[in-house]
All heavy atoms as atom14 arrays in JSON, in Angstrom:
{
  "sequence": "VEGDSAGGSAKSARNRRTQAILPIRGKILNVEKATIDKVLANA",
  "atom14_mask": [
    [1, 1, 1, 1, 1, 1, 1, 0, 0, 0, 0, 0, 0, 0],
    [1, 1, 1, 1, 1, 1, 1, 1, 1, 0, 0, 0, 0, 0],
    [1, 1, 1, 1, 0, 0, 0, 0, 0, 0, 0, 0, 0, 0],
    [1, 1, 1, 1, 1, 1, 1, 1, 0, 0, 0, 0, 0, 0],
    [1, 1, 1, 1, 1, 1, 0, 0, 0, 0, 0, 0, 0, 0],
    [1, 1, 1, 1, 1, 0, 0, 0, 0, 0, 0, 0, 0, 0],
    [1, 1, 1, 1, 0, 0, 0, 0, 0, 0, 0, 0, 0, 0],
    [1, 1, 1, 1, 0, 0, 0, 0, 0, 0, 0, 0, 0, 0],
    [1, 1, 1, 1, 1, 1, 0, 0, 0, 0, 0, 0, 0, 0],
    [1, 1, 1, 1, 1, 0, 0, 0, 0, 0, 0, 0, 0, 0],
    [1, 1, 1, 1, 1, 1, 1, 1, 1, 0, 0, 0, 0, 0],
    [1, 1, 1, 1, 1, 1, 0, 0, 0, 0, 0, 0, 0, 0],
    [1, 1, 1, 1, 1, 0, 0, 0, 0, 0, 0, 0, 0, 0],
    [1, 1, 1, 1, 1, 1, 1, 1, 1, 1, 1, 0, 0, 0],
    [1, 1, 1, 1, 1, 1, 1, 1, 0, 0, 0, 0, 0, 0],
    [1, 1, 1, 1, 1, 1, 1, 1, 1, 1, 1, 0, 0, 0],
    [1, 1, 1, 1, 1, 1, 1, 1, 1, 1, 1, 0, 0, 0],
    [1, 1, 1, 1, 1, 1, 1, 0, 0, 0, 0, 0, 0, 0],
    [1, 1, 1, 1, 1, 1, 1, 1, 1, 0, 0, 0, 0, 0],
    [1, 1, 1, 1, 1, 0, 0, 0, 0, 0, 0, 0, 0, 0],
    [1, 1, 1, 1, 1, 1, 1, 1, 0, 0, 0, 0, 0, 0],
    [1, 1, 1, 1, 1, 1, 1, 1, 0, 0, 0, 0, 0, 0],
    [1, 1, 1, 1, 1, 1, 1, 0, 0, 0, 0, 0, 0, 0],
    [1, 1, 1, 1, 1, 1, 1, 1, 0, 0, 0, 0, 0, 0],
    [1, 1, 1, 1, 1, 1, 1, 1, 1, 1, 1, 0, 0, 0],
    [1, 1, 1, 1, 0, 0, 0, 0, 0, 0, 0, 0, 0, 0],
    [1, 1, 1, 1, 1, 1, 1, 1, 1, 0, 0, 0, 0, 0],
    [1, 1, 1, 1, 1, 1, 1, 1, 0, 0, 0, 0, 0, 0],
    [1, 1, 1, 1, 1, 1, 1, 1, 0, 0, 0, 0, 0, 0],
    [1, 1, 1, 1, 1, 1, 1, 1, 0, 0, 0, 0, 0, 0],
    [1, 1, 1, 1, 1, 1, 1, 0, 0, 0, 0, 0, 0, 0],
    [1, 1, 1, 1, 1, 1, 1, 1, 1, 0, 0, 0, 0, 0],
    [1, 1, 1, 1, 1, 1, 1, 1, 1, 0, 0, 0, 0, 0],
    [1, 1, 1, 1, 1, 0, 0, 0, 0, 0, 0, 0, 0, 0],
    [1, 1, 1, 1, 1, 1, 1, 0, 0, 0, 0, 0, 0, 0],
    [1, 1, 1, 1, 1, 1, 1, 1, 0, 0, 0, 0, 0, 0],
    [1, 1, 1, 1, 1, 1, 1, 1, 0, 0, 0, 0, 0, 0],
    [1, 1, 1, 1, 1, 1, 1, 1, 1, 0, 0, 0, 0, 0],
    [1, 1, 1, 1, 1, 1, 1, 0, 0, 0, 0, 0, 0, 0],
    [1, 1, 1, 1, 1, 1, 1, 1, 0, 0, 0, 0, 0, 0],
    [1, 1, 1, 1, 1, 0, 0, 0, 0, 0, 0, 0, 0, 0],
    [1, 1, 1, 1, 1, 1, 1, 1, 0, 0, 0, 0, 0, 0],
    [1, 1, 1, 1, 1, 0, 0, 0, 0, 0, 0, 0, 0, 0]
  ],
  "atom14_positions": [
    [[-18.16, 2.71, 11.37], [-19.07, 2.61, 10.23], [-20.5, 2.86, 10.69], [-20.86, 2.58, 11.83], [-18.96, 1.24, 9.52], [-17.57, 1.03, 8.99], [-19.35, 0.11, 10.46], [0.0, 0.0, 0.0], [0.0, 0.0, 0.0], [0.0, 0.0, 0.0], [0.0, 0.0, 0.0], [0.0, 0.0, 0.0], [0.0, 0.0, 0.0], [0.0, 0.0, 0.0]],
    [[-21.31, 3.38, 9.78], [-22.7, 3.72, 10.12], [-23.63, 2.63, 9.64], [-23.65, 2.29, 8.45], [-23.06, 5.06, 9.48], [-24.38, 5.65, 9.98], [-25.6, 5.12, 9.23], [-25.54, 5.0, 8.0], [-26.61, 4.79, 9.9], [0.0, 0.0, 0.0], [0.0, 0.0, 0.0], [0.0, 0.0, 0.0], [0.0, 0.0, 0.0], [0.0, 0.0, 0.0]],
    [[-24.38, 2.05, 10.57], [-25.43, 1.1, 10.2], [-24.99, -0.35, 10.22], [-23.82, -0.68, 10.07], [0.0, 0.0, 0.0], [0.0, 0.0, 0.0], [0.0, 0.0, 0.0], [0.0, 0.0, 0.0], [0.0, 0.0, 0.0], [0.0, 0.0, 0.0], [0.0, 0.0, 0.0], [0.0, 0.0, 0.0], [0.0, 0.0, 0.0], [0.0, 0.0, 0.0]],
    [[-25.98, -1.24, 10.4], [-25.7, -2.68, 10.49], [-25.28, -3.27, 9.16], [-24.47, -4.19, 9.1], [-26.94, -3.42, 11.02], [-27.26, -3.02, 12.46], [-26.31, -2.62, 13.17], [-28.44, -3.08, 12.85], [0.0, 0.0, 0.0], [0.0, 0.0, 0.0], [0.0, 0.0, 0.0], [0.0, 0.0, 0.0], [0.0, 0.0, 0.0], [0.0, 0.0, 0.0]],
    [[-25.85, -2.73, 8.05], [-25.54, -3.29, 6.73], [-24.08, -3.07, 6.39], [-23.37, -4.02, 6.03], [-26.44, -2.63, 5.67], [-26.11, -3.1, 4.39], [0.0, 0.0, 0.0], [0.0, 0.0, 0.0], [0.0, 0.0, 0.0], [0.0, 0.0, 0.0], [0.0, 0.0, 0.0], [0.0, 0.0, 0.0], [0.0, 0.0, 0.0], [0.0, 0.0, 0.0]],
    [[-23.63, -1.82, 6.52], [-22.22, -1.52, 6.24], [-21.32, -2.22, 7.24], [-20.24, -2.72, 6.9], [-21.99, -0.01, 6.28], [0.0, 0.0, 0.0], [0.0, 0.0, 0.0], [0.0, 0.0, 0.0], [0.0, 0.0, 0.0], [0.0, 0.0, 0.0], [0.0, 0.0, 0.0], [0.0, 0.0, 0.0], [0.0, 0.0, 0.0], [0.0, 0.0, 0.0]],
    [[-21.76, -2.27, 8.51], [-20.97, -2.95, 9.53], [-20.79, -4.41, 9.23], [-19.71, -4.98, 9.41], [0.0, 0.0, 0.0], [0.0, 0.0, 0.0], [0.0, 0.0, 0.0], [0.0, 0.0, 0.0], [0.0, 0.0, 0.0], [0.0, 0.0, 0.0], [0.0, 0.0, 0.0], [0.0, 0.0, 0.0], [0.0, 0.0, 0.0], [0.0, 0.0, 0.0]],
    [[-21.86, -5.06, 8.73], [-21.77, -6.48, 8.38], [-20.79, -6.72, 7.25], [-19.97, -7.66, 7.31], [0.0, 0.0, 0.0], [0.0, 0.0, 0.0], [0.0, 0.0, 0.0], [0.0, 0.0, 0.0], [0.0, 0.0, 0.0], [0.0, 0.0, 0.0], [0.0, 0.0, 0.0], [0.0, 0.0, 0.0], [0.0, 0.0, 0.0], [0.0, 0.0, 0.0]],
    [[-20.86, -5.88, 6.21], [-19.93, -6.02, 5.09], [-18.49, -5.81, 5.54], [-17.58, -6.54, 5.14], [-20.27, -5.02, 3.99], [-21.52, -5.3, 3.41], [0.0, 0.0, 0.0], [0.0, 0.0, 0.0], [0.0, 0.0, 0.0], [0.0, 0.0, 0.0], [0.0, 0.0, 0.0], [0.0, 0.0, 0.0], [0.0, 0.0, 0.0], [0.0, 0.0, 0.0]],
    [[-18.3, -4.77, 6.39], [-16.95, -4.46, 6.85], [-16.38, -5.58, 7.71], [-15.19, -5.92, 7.62], [-16.96, -3.14, 7.63], [0.0, 0.0, 0.0], [0.0, 0.0, 0.0], [0.0, 0.0, 0.0], [0.0, 0.0, 0.0], [0.0, 0.0, 0.0], [0.0, 0.0, 0.0], [0.0, 0.0, 0.0], [0.0, 0.0, 0.0], [0.0, 0.0, 0.0]],
    [[-17.22, -6.18, 8.56], [-16.74, -7.29, 9.4], [-16.31, -8.48, 8.57], [-15.35, -9.17, 8.89], [-17.84, -7.69, 10.38], [-18.09, -6.68, 11.49], [-19.27, -7.1, 12.38], [-19.58, -6.03, 13.41], [-20.76, -6.36, 14.24], [0.0, 0.0, 0.0], [0.0, 0.0, 0.0], [0.0, 0.0, 0.0], [0.0, 0.0, 0.0], [0.0, 0.0, 0.0]],
    [[-17.03, -8.72, 7.47], [-16.68, -9.84, 6.59], [-15.43, -9.55, 5.77], [-14.67, -10.45, 5.45], [-17.85, -10.16, 5.64], [-19.0, -10.5, 6.37], [0.0, 0.0, 0.0], [0.0, 0.0, 0.0], [0.0, 0.0, 0.0], [0.0, 0.0, 0.0], [0.0, 0.0, 0.0], [0.0, 0.0, 0.0], [0.0, 0.0, 0.0], [0.0, 0.0, 0.0]],
    [[-15.24, -8.26, 5.43], [-14.15, -7.91, 4.51], [-12.82, -7.66, 5.21], [-11.77, -7.79, 4.61], [-14.54, -6.64, 3.74], [0.0, 0.0, 0.0], [0.0, 0.0, 0.0], [0.0, 0.0, 0.0], [0.0, 0.0, 0.0], [0.0, 0.0, 0.0], [0.0, 0.0, 0.0], [0.0, 0.0, 0.0], [0.0, 0.0, 0.0], [0.0, 0.0, 0.0]],
    [[-12.83, -7.36, 6.46], [-11.64, -6.87, 7.17], [-10.56, -7.94, 7.33], [-10.79, -9.14, 7.19], [-12.05, -6.39, 8.56], [-12.52, -7.55, 9.45], [-12.97, -7.07, 10.82], [-13.57, -8.13, 11.59], [-13.29, -8.38, 12.87], [-12.41, -7.64, 13.51], [-13.91, -9.35, 13.5], [0.0, 0.0, 0.0], [0.0, 0.0, 0.0], [0.0, 0.0, 0.0]],
    [[-9.38, -7.46, 7.71], [-8.31, -8.32, 8.19], [-8.52, -8.46, 9.7], [-8.27, -7.51, 10.46], [-6.95, -7.68, 7.89], [-5.78, -8.47, 8.44], [-5.95, -9.33, 9.31], [-4.6, -8.19, 7.94], [0.0, 0.0, 0.0], [0.0, 0.0, 0.0], [0.0, 0.0, 0.0], [0.0, 0.0, 0.0], [0.0, 0.0, 0.0], [0.0, 0.0, 0.0]],
    [[-8.99, -9.61, 10.14], [-9.38, -9.77, 11.55], [-8.21, -9.57, 12.52], [-8.42, -9.26, 13.69], [-10.0, -11.16, 11.77], [-11.34, -11.32, 11.08], [-11.87, -12.75, 11.22], [-13.18, -12.85, 10.6], [-14.32, -12.62, 11.23], [-14.3, -12.27, 12.51], [-15.48, -12.73, 10.62], [0.0, 0.0, 0.0], [0.0, 0.0, 0.0], [0.0, 0.0, 0.0]],
    [[-7.0, -9.77, 12.04], [-5.86, -9.67, 12.95], [-5.61, -8.22, 13.38], [-5.31, -7.95, 14.55], [-4.6, -10.23, 12.3], [-3.49, -10.52, 13.31], [-2.27, -11.08, 12.64], [-1.53, -10.06, 11.93], [-0.67, -9.21, 12.53], [-0.48, -9.27, 13.84], [-0.03, -8.31, 11.83], [0.0, 0.0, 0.0], [0.0, 0.0, 0.0], [0.0, 0.0, 0.0]],
    [[-5.75, -7.26, 12.45], [-5.37, -5.88, 12.77], [-6.5, -4.86, 12.63], [-6.32, -3.7, 13.01], [-4.21, -5.42, 11.85], [-4.65, -5.51, 10.49], [-2.98, -6.27, 12.06], [0.0, 0.0, 0.0], [0.0, 0.0, 0.0], [0.0, 0.0, 0.0], [0.0, 0.0, 0.0], [0.0, 0.0, 0.0], [0.0, 0.0, 0.0], [0.0, 0.0, 0.0]],
    [[-7.65, -5.26, 12.09], [-8.72, -4.29, 11.83], [-9.96, -4.58, 12.67], [-10.53, -5.67, 12.6], [-9.07, -4.3, 10.34], [-7.94, -3.79, 9.46], [-8.28, -3.82, 7.99], [-9.04, -4.67, 7.52], [-7.72, -2.88, 7.23], [0.0, 0.0, 0.0], [0.0, 0.0, 0.0], [0.0, 0.0, 0.0], [0.0, 0.0, 0.0], [0.0, 0.0, 0.0]],
    [[-10.37, -3.59, 13.47], [-11.58, -3.68, 14.27], [-12.69, -2.87, 13.59], [-12.41, -1.88, 12.9], [-11.33, -3.15, 15.67], [0.0, 0.0, 0.0], [0.0, 0.0, 0.0], [0.0, 0.0, 0.0], [0.0, 0.0, 0.0], [0.0, 0.0, 0.0], [0.0, 0.0, 0.0], [0.0, 0.0, 0.0], [0.0, 0.0, 0.0], [0.0, 0.0, 0.0]],
    [[-13.92, -3.27, 13.78], [-15.07, -2.58, 13.2], [-15.99, -2.14, 14.32], [-16.4, -2.95, 15.16], [-15.84, -3.48, 12.21], [-14.91, -4.08, 11.16], [-16.98, -2.7, 11.57], [-14.24, -3.06, 10.26], [0.0, 0.0, 0.0], [0.0, 0.0, 0.0], [0.0, 0.0, 0.0], [0.0, 0.0, 0.0], [0.0, 0.0, 0.0], [0.0, 0.0, 0.0]],
    [[-16.32, -0.84, 14.34], [-17.23, -0.31, 15.35], [-18.44, 0.32, 14.66], [-18.36, 1.46, 14.18], [-16.51, 0.74, 16.21], [-17.35, 1.45, 17.28], [-17.93, 0.44, 18.26], [-16.53, 2.5, 18.01], [0.0, 0.0, 0.0], [0.0, 0.0, 0.0], [0.0, 0.0, 0.0], [0.0, 0.0, 0.0], [0.0, 0.0, 0.0], [0.0, 0.0, 0.0]],
    [[-19.55, -0.39, 14.56], [-20.75, 0.19, 13.94], [-21.42, 1.18, 14.91], [-21.46, 0.96, 16.12], [-21.66, -1.02, 13.7], [-20.81, -2.23, 13.97], [-19.76, -1.8, 14.92], [0.0, 0.0, 0.0], [0.0, 0.0, 0.0], [0.0, 0.0, 0.0], [0.0, 0.0, 0.0], [0.0, 0.0, 0.0], [0.0, 0.0, 0.0], [0.0, 0.0, 0.0]],
    [[-21.9, 2.28, 14.35], [-22.72, 3.21, 15.14], [-24.07, 3.33, 14.46], [-24.2, 3.1, 13.26], [-22.05, 4.59, 15.28], [-21.82, 5.23, 13.91], [-20.77, 4.49, 16.07], [-21.33, 6.65, 13.98], [0.0, 0.0, 0.0], [0.0, 0.0, 0.0], [0.0, 0.0, 0.0], [0.0, 0.0, 0.0], [0.0, 0.0, 0.0], [0.0, 0.0, 0.0]],
    [[-25.06, 3.68, 15.23], [-26.43, 3.73, 14.71], [-26.82, 5.18, 14.45], [-27.0, 5.97, 15.37], [-27.39, 3.09, 15.71], [-28.8, 2.93, 15.18], [-29.61, 2.05, 16.1], [-29.05, 0.69, 16.18], [-29.49, -0.24, 17.02], [-30.47, 0.05, 17.86], [-28.94, -1.43, 17.03], [0.0, 0.0, 0.0], [0.0, 0.0, 0.0], [0.0, 0.0, 0.0]],
    [[-26.94, 5.54, 13.17], [-27.4, 6.87, 12.81], [-26.4, 7.96, 13.17], [-25.21, 7.72, 13.35], [0.0, 0.0, 0.0], [0.0, 0.0, 0.0], [0.0, 0.0, 0.0], [0.0, 0.0, 0.0], [0.0, 0.0, 0.0], [0.0, 0.0, 0.0], [0.0, 0.0, 0.0], [0.0, 0.0, 0.0], [0.0, 0.0, 0.0], [0.0, 0.0, 0.0]],
    [[-26.89, 9.17, 13.3], [-26.05, 10.33, 13.59], [-25.84, 10.44, 15.1], [-26.8, 10.44, 15.87], [-26.7, 11.61, 13.04], [-26.87, 11.62, 11.52], [-27.53, 12.91, 11.08], [-27.6, 12.98, 9.56], [-28.54, 12.03, 8.99], [0.0, 0.0, 0.0], [0.0, 0.0, 0.0], [0.0, 0.0, 0.0], [0.0, 0.0, 0.0], [0.0, 0.0, 0.0]],
    [[-24.58, 10.59, 15.52], [-24.31, 10.72, 16.95], [-24.76, 12.1, 17.42], [-25.07, 12.98, 16.63], [-22.82, 10.49, 17.28], [-21.97, 11.68, 16.79], [-22.31, 9.2, 16.71], [-20.62, 11.76, 17.45], [0.0, 0.0, 0.0], [0.0, 0.0, 0.0], [0.0, 0.0, 0.0], [0.0, 0.0, 0.0], [0.0, 0.0, 0.0], [0.0, 0.0, 0.0]],
    [[-24.74, 12.27, 18.72], [-25.14, 13.54, 19.33], [-24.26, 14.68, 18.86], [-23.04, 14.53, 18.7], [-25.03, 13.4, 20.86], [-25.44, 14.59, 21.71], [-26.96, 14.77, 21.66], [-24.99, 14.38, 23.16], [0.0, 0.0, 0.0], [0.0, 0.0, 0.0], [0.0, 0.0, 0.0], [0.0, 0.0, 0.0], [0.0, 0.0, 0.0], [0.0, 0.0, 0.0]],
    [[-24.87, 15.84, 18.6], [-24.12, 17.05, 18.28], [-23.55, 17.62, 19.57], [-24.23, 18.32, 20.32], [-25.03, 18.07, 17.59], [-24.31, 19.37, 17.25], [-23.13, 19.53, 17.54], [-25.03, 20.3, 16.64], [0.0, 0.0, 0.0], [0.0, 0.0, 0.0], [0.0, 0.0, 0.0], [0.0, 0.0, 0.0], [0.0, 0.0, 0.0], [0.0, 0.0, 0.0]],
    [[-22.27, 17.34, 19.85], [-21.69, 17.72, 21.14], [-21.47, 19.22, 21.25], [-21.24, 19.74, 22.34], [-20.35, 16.98, 21.38], [-20.57, 15.48, 21.37], [-19.3, 17.37, 20.35], [0.0, 0.0, 0.0], [0.0, 0.0, 0.0], [0.0, 0.0, 0.0], [0.0, 0.0, 0.0], [0.0, 0.0, 0.0], [0.0, 0.0, 0.0], [0.0, 0.0, 0.0]],
    [[-21.52, 19.95, 20.13], [-21.33, 21.4, 20.17], [-22.46, 22.08, 20.92], [-22.29, 23.17, 21.46], [-21.24, 21.95, 18.74], [-20.82, 23.39, 18.64], [-19.36, 23.63, 19.0], [-18.61, 22.64, 19.07], [-19.0, 24.78, 19.24], [0.0, 0.0, 0.0], [0.0, 0.0, 0.0], [0.0, 0.0, 0.0], [0.0, 0.0, 0.0], [0.0, 0.0, 0.0]],
    [[-23.62, 21.43, 20.97], [-24.78, 22.07, 21.6], [-25.28, 21.29, 22.82], [-26.35, 21.57, 23.31], [-25.91, 22.2, 20.57], [-25.59, 23.09, 19.39], [-26.8, 23.43, 18.55], [-27.33, 22.24, 17.79], [-28.41, 22.6, 16.85], [0.0, 0.0, 0.0], [0.0, 0.0, 0.0], [0.0, 0.0, 0.0], [0.0, 0.0, 0.0], [0.0, 0.0, 0.0]],
    [[-24.5, 20.31, 23.29], [-24.97, 19.45, 24.39], [-24.08, 19.62, 25.62], [-22.88, 19.87, 25.51], [-24.98, 17.99, 23.95], [0.0, 0.0, 0.0], [0.0, 0.0, 0.0], [0.0, 0.0, 0.0], [0.0, 0.0, 0.0], [0.0, 0.0, 0.0], [0.0, 0.0, 0.0], [0.0, 0.0, 0.0], [0.0, 0.0, 0.0], [0.0, 0.0, 0.0]],
    [[-24.69, 19.47, 26.81], [-23.91, 19.49, 28.05], [-23.23, 18.13, 28.21], [-23.64, 17.13, 27.63], [-24.83, 19.75, 29.25], [-25.86, 18.76, 29.28], [-25.44, 21.15, 29.17], [0.0, 0.0, 0.0], [0.0, 0.0, 0.0], [0.0, 0.0, 0.0], [0.0, 0.0, 0.0], [0.0, 0.0, 0.0], [0.0, 0.0, 0.0], [0.0, 0.0, 0.0]],
    [[-22.22, 18.11, 29.08], [-21.4, 16.91, 29.18], [-22.17, 15.71, 29.73], [-21.89, 14.56, 29.37], [-20.12, 17.18, 30.02], [-19.11, 16.06, 29.81], [-20.47, 17.36, 31.47], [-17.76, 16.34, 30.41], [0.0, 0.0, 0.0], [0.0, 0.0, 0.0], [0.0, 0.0, 0.0], [0.0, 0.0, 0.0], [0.0, 0.0, 0.0], [0.0, 0.0, 0.0]],
    [[-23.16, 15.96, 30.57], [-23.92, 14.82, 31.09], [-24.72, 14.15, 29.97], [-24.84, 12.92, 29.93], [-24.84, 15.25, 32.25], [-25.75, 16.41, 31.88], [-25.37, 17.21, 31.01], [-26.85, 16.5, 32.45], [0.0, 0.0, 0.0], [0.0, 0.0, 0.0], [0.0, 0.0, 0.0], [0.0, 0.0, 0.0], [0.0, 0.0, 0.0], [0.0, 0.0, 0.0]],
    [[-25.23, 14.96, 29.03], [-25.93, 14.38, 27.89], [-24.96, 13.66, 26.96], [-25.28, 12.63, 26.37], [-26.7, 15.46, 27.12], [-27.9, 16.01, 27.88], [-28.66, 17.03, 27.04], [-29.88, 17.55, 27.81], [-30.61, 18.59, 27.02], [0.0, 0.0, 0.0], [0.0, 0.0, 0.0], [0.0, 0.0, 0.0], [0.0, 0.0, 0.0], [0.0, 0.0, 0.0]],
    [[-23.77, 14.23, 26.82], [-22.75, 13.59, 25.98], [-22.42, 12.2, 26.53], [-22.37, 11.22, 25.81], [-21.48, 14.47, 25.9], [-20.35, 13.72, 25.22], [-21.77, 15.76, 25.16], [0.0, 0.0, 0.0], [0.0, 0.0, 0.0], [0.0, 0.0, 0.0], [0.0, 0.0, 0.0], [0.0, 0.0, 0.0], [0.0, 0.0, 0.0], [0.0, 0.0, 0.0]],
    [[-22.19, 12.15, 27.85], [-21.79, 10.89, 28.47], [-22.93, 9.88, 28.53], [-22.7, 8.69, 28.71], [-21.25, 11.14, 29.88], [-19.88, 11.82, 29.92], [-19.53, 12.19, 31.34], [-18.83, 10.93, 29.32], [0.0, 0.0, 0.0], [0.0, 0.0, 0.0], [0.0, 0.0, 0.0], [0.0, 0.0, 0.0], [0.0, 0.0, 0.0], [0.0, 0.0, 0.0]],
    [[-24.16, 10.37, 28.41], [-25.3, 9.45, 28.43], [-25.59, 8.87, 27.05], [-26.38, 7.94, 26.92], [-26.55, 10.18, 28.95], [0.0, 0.0, 0.0], [0.0, 0.0, 0.0], [0.0, 0.0, 0.0], [0.0, 0.0, 0.0], [0.0, 0.0, 0.0], [0.0, 0.0, 0.0], [0.0, 0.0, 0.0], [0.0, 0.0, 0.0], [0.0, 0.0, 0.0]],
    [[-24.93, 9.4, 26.01], [-25.17, 8.93, 24.65], [-24.49, 7.59, 24.43], [-23.28, 7.45, 24.62], [-24.64, 9.98, 23.66], [-24.9, 9.58, 22.22], [-24.08, 8.93, 21.6], [-26.05, 9.96, 21.7], [0.0, 0.0, 0.0], [0.0, 0.0, 0.0], [0.0, 0.0, 0.0], [0.0, 0.0, 0.0], [0.0, 0.0, 0.0], [0.0, 0.0, 0.0]],
    [[-25.27, 6.59, 24.02], [-24.76, 5.22, 23.89], [-23.6, 5.13, 22.9], [-22.6, 4.44, 23.15], [-25.89, 4.29, 23.48], [0.0, 0.0, 0.0], [0.0, 0.0, 0.0], [0.0, 0.0, 0.0], [0.0, 0.0, 0.0], [0.0, 0.0, 0.0], [0.0, 0.0, 0.0], [0.0, 0.0, 0.0], [0.0, 0.0, 0.0], [0.0, 0.0, 0.0]]
  ]
}
């Protein structure tokens, strides 16, 4: 999920036994135009 707000709602709404929530911040790196060292350095 994108952003803390959506991540917070999803964490509260989920089935904790089988559903994990992974929030990401904004748009991830465009890997089509990046070298692998930059890809691996992306948080």
